[in-house]
Amino acid sequence: MRLLVAFVNWVNRLNDWVGRIVGFLVYPIMFVLVFEVVMRYAFNRPTIWAHETSCMLYGAHFLLGGAYALSKDAFVNVEVFYQSFRPRVRAIVDLLTWTMFYAFVGTMLWKSIPWALASLRVGEYSESVWGPPLWPIKLTLPVAAGLMLLQGMTKTAKDLYLALTGRELVPAVEEKAVAEN
């Protein structure tokens, strides 16, 4: 049991750390977009790189922030009935519905690894006028899928423990303390 709790806490710390770092990508995205607007409308000199750069940064921000959002239960749920269930019943419902999550993340991981490695192997670049390298952004997809898979495994472990025992595996207070460190 200690090993399972240690795994849950490690994954939570990892995704908290990644999420906090990736959260700072919003600043370069804003800078690039503001720079493009100023150059385009104030100086009539649009850039050839701003749109593509902001799309790549936002893609990395969105993908790598997914596991952080999952760890904080920040995804949208259809909670019309769900919120009225007792915690144990919620855990059982989650165990049934998480099969869709695993199918999605598993497919994402399965398809993205060869795609990203092929891009890295050939040193793929964009075919735009600017032509930035594409392999770094393509590598974020399997990394994000891996982080999501790890976070999903912690959620499944906690739900399974709650469904079987009626008690929480890692108390919310302990998780909060781990997230703050």
Protein backbone atom coordinates (compact mmCIF):
# COMPACT_ATOMS: atom_id res chain seq x y z
CA MET A 1 0.00 0.00 0.00
CA ARG A 2 2.87 2.38 0.78
CA LEU A 3 4.26 1.83 -2.69
CA LEU A 4 0.92 2.75 -4.26
CA VAL A 5 0.64 5.90 -2.12
CA ALA A 6 4.23 6.80 -2.99
CA PHE A 7 3.44 6.35 -6.71
CA VAL A 8 0.32 8.54 -6.46
CA ASN A 9 2.24 11.24 -4.61
CA TRP A 10 5.18 11.08 -7.07
CA VAL A 11 2.90 11.42 -10.11
CA ASN A 12 1.02 14.28 -8.45
CA ARG A 13 4.28 16.10 -7.69
CA LEU A 14 5.60 15.48 -11.22
CA ASN A 15 2.47 16.80 -12.92
CA ASP A 16 2.25 19.70 -10.50
CA TRP A 17 5.85 20.65 -11.35
CA VAL A 18 5.30 20.27 -15.12
CA GLY A 19 2.03 22.19 -14.94
CA ARG A 20 3.54 25.10 -13.04
CA ILE A 21 6.42 25.39 -15.53
CA VAL A 22 4.19 25.01 -18.59
CA GLY A 23 1.86 27.64 -17.18
CA PHE A 24 4.54 30.21 -17.84
CA LEU A 25 4.27 29.58 -21.60
CA VAL A 26 1.32 31.95 -21.59
CA TYR A 27 3.73 34.88 -21.29
CA PRO A 28 5.73 34.24 -24.47
CA ILE A 29 2.45 33.50 -26.28
CA MET A 30 1.09 36.87 -25.20
CA PHE A 31 4.34 38.64 -26.11
CA VAL A 32 4.40 37.10 -29.60
CA LEU A 33 0.77 37.98 -30.27
CA VAL A 34 1.08 41.54 -29.00
CA PHE A 35 4.29 41.99 -30.97
CA GLU A 36 2.55 40.79 -34.13
CA VAL A 37 -0.43 43.11 -33.62
CA VAL A 38 1.83 46.12 -33.01
CA MET A 39 4.03 45.33 -36.00
CA ARG A 40 1.06 44.70 -38.27
CA TYR A 41 -1.17 47.62 -37.35
CA ALA A 42 1.19 50.26 -35.98
CA PHE A 43 4.07 49.80 -38.43
CA ASN A 44 2.38 47.96 -41.30
CA ARG A 45 5.15 45.30 -41.08
CA PRO A 46 3.60 41.91 -40.27
CA THR A 47 5.94 39.13 -39.25
CA ILE A 48 6.30 35.77 -40.96
CA TRP A 49 6.93 33.89 -37.72
CA ALA A 50 4.46 35.13 -35.09
CA HIS A 51 1.41 33.09 -36.02
CA GLU A 52 3.28 29.81 -36.29
CA THR A 53 5.25 30.47 -33.10
CA SER A 54 2.13 31.30 -31.09
CA CYS A 55 0.38 28.17 -32.40
CA MET A 56 3.32 25.98 -31.41
CA LEU A 57 3.63 27.53 -27.97
CA TYR A 58 -0.09 27.26 -27.35
CA GLY A 59 -0.05 23.64 -28.53
CA ALA A 60 2.68 22.79 -26.04
CA HIS A 61 0.86 24.75 -23.33
CA PHE A 62 -2.42 22.97 -24.00
CA LEU A 63 -0.97 19.46 -24.34
CA LEU A 64 1.45 19.52 -21.42
CA GLY A 65 -1.05 21.26 -19.15
CA GLY A 66 -3.58 18.44 -19.55
CA ALA A 67 -2.11 16.17 -16.89
CA TYR A 68 -1.92 19.11 -14.48
CA ALA A 69 -5.58 19.88 -15.11
CA LEU A 70 -6.44 16.22 -14.59
CA SER A 71 -4.58 16.17 -11.28
CA LYS A 72 -6.60 19.18 -10.11
CA ASP A 73 -9.96 17.76 -11.32
CA ALA A 74 -10.25 20.76 -13.62
CA PHE A 75 -11.92 18.98 -16.52
CA VAL A 76 -15.58 19.55 -17.25
CA ASN A 77 -17.91 16.83 -15.98
CA VAL A 78 -21.59 16.28 -16.62
CA GLU A 79 -22.54 16.46 -12.97
CA VAL A 80 -26.34 16.58 -13.02
CA PHE A 81 -26.57 13.26 -11.20
CA TYR A 82 -22.94 12.62 -10.39
CA GLN A 83 -22.61 15.30 -7.72
CA SER A 84 -25.50 13.80 -5.72
CA PHE A 85 -23.80 10.37 -5.51
CA ARG A 86 -21.90 9.28 -2.44
CA PRO A 87 -18.09 9.20 -2.90
CA ARG A 88 -18.01 5.41 -3.19
CA VAL A 89 -20.66 5.40 -5.95
CA ARG A 90 -18.78 8.20 -7.75
CA ALA A 91 -15.63 6.08 -7.64
CA ILE A 92 -17.48 3.11 -9.19
CA VAL A 93 -18.96 5.31 -11.93
CA ASP A 94 -15.49 6.76 -12.59
CA LEU A 95 -13.99 3.28 -12.87
CA LEU A 96 -16.56 2.43 -15.55
CA THR A 97 -16.17 5.65 -17.52
CA TRP A 98 -12.37 5.77 -17.34
CA THR A 99 -12.21 3.06 -19.98
CA MET A 100 -12.89 5.81 -22.52
CA PHE A 101 -10.03 7.85 -21.10
CA TYR A 102 -7.63 4.93 -21.40
CA ALA A 103 -8.77 4.21 -24.94
CA PHE A 104 -8.16 7.84 -25.92
CA VAL A 105 -4.82 8.28 -24.16
CA GLY A 106 -3.63 4.84 -25.22
CA THR A 107 -4.40 5.60 -28.85
CA MET A 108 -2.75 9.00 -28.55
CA LEU A 109 0.38 7.43 -27.12
CA TRP A 110 0.42 4.54 -29.61
CA LYS A 111 0.06 6.82 -32.65
CA SER A 112 2.17 9.76 -31.47
CA ILE A 113 5.37 7.94 -30.52
CA PRO A 114 6.29 6.76 -34.05
CA TRP A 115 5.07 10.07 -35.51
CA ALA A 116 7.25 12.13 -33.15
CA LEU A 117 10.28 9.84 -33.47
CA ALA A 118 10.09 9.97 -37.28
CA SER A 119 9.98 13.77 -37.10
CA LEU A 120 12.99 13.80 -34.76
CA ARG A 121 14.92 11.30 -36.89
CA VAL A 122 14.64 13.41 -40.06
CA GLY A 123 14.90 16.75 -38.26
CA GLU A 124 11.55 17.84 -39.65
CA TYR A 125 10.99 21.51 -40.36
CA SER A 126 7.84 23.41 -41.28
CA GLU A 127 7.28 24.09 -44.97
CA SER A 128 6.27 27.68 -44.24
CA VAL A 129 8.36 30.68 -45.26
CA TRP A 130 9.83 30.88 -41.79
CA GLY A 131 10.43 27.09 -41.54
CA PRO A 132 10.90 26.39 -37.81
CA PRO A 133 11.70 22.87 -36.60
CA LEU A 134 8.58 20.78 -35.99
CA TRP A 135 10.05 17.90 -34.03
CA PRO A 136 10.05 19.72 -30.64
CA ILE A 137 6.31 20.35 -30.77
CA LYS A 138 5.67 16.85 -32.10
CA LEU A 139 7.60 15.39 -29.15
CA THR A 140 5.24 17.13 -26.73
CA LEU A 141 2.37 14.88 -27.82
CA PRO A 142 3.76 11.54 -26.55
CA VAL A 143 5.20 13.26 -23.47
CA ALA A 144 1.79 14.77 -22.70
CA ALA A 145 0.07 11.43 -23.34
CA GLY A 146 2.51 9.72 -20.99
CA LEU A 147 1.90 12.27 -18.25
CA MET A 148 -1.87 11.94 -18.75
CA LEU A 149 -1.60 8.16 -18.56
CA LEU A 150 0.35 8.35 -15.30
CA GLN A 151 -2.17 10.79 -13.81
CA GLY A 152 -5.05 8.61 -14.98
CA MET A 153 -3.45 5.61 -13.30
CA THR A 154 -3.35 7.49 -10.00
CA LYS A 155 -7.02 8.42 -10.35
CA THR A 156 -7.94 4.82 -11.14
CA ALA A 157 -5.93 3.53 -8.18
CA LYS A 158 -7.64 6.00 -5.84
CA ASP A 159 -11.10 5.19 -7.25
CA LEU A 160 -10.52 1.44 -7.01
CA TYR A 161 -9.34 1.73 -3.42
CA LEU A 162 -12.34 3.90 -2.52
CA ALA A 163 -14.78 1.55 -4.28
CA LEU A 164 -13.38 -1.51 -2.50
CA THR A 165 -12.77 -0.10 0.98
CA GLY A 166 -14.97 2.97 1.28
CA ARG A 167 -11.91 5.00 2.33
CA GLU A 168 -9.68 7.37 0.39
CA LEU A 169 -6.23 6.12 -0.59
CA VAL A 170 -4.54 9.49 -0.21
CA PRO A 171 -6.44 11.96 1.94
CA ALA A 172 -7.13 15.29 0.25
CA VAL A 173 -5.19 17.12 2.98
CA GLU A 174 -2.05 15.08 2.23
CA GLU A 175 -2.44 15.65 -1.54
CA LYS A 176 -2.77 19.38 -0.94
CA ALA A 177 0.38 19.38 1.18
CA VAL A 178 2.24 17.47 -1.55
CA ALA A 179 1.03 19.92 -4.22
CA GLU A 180 2.19 22.90 -2.18
CA ASN A 181 5.75 21.54 -1.82
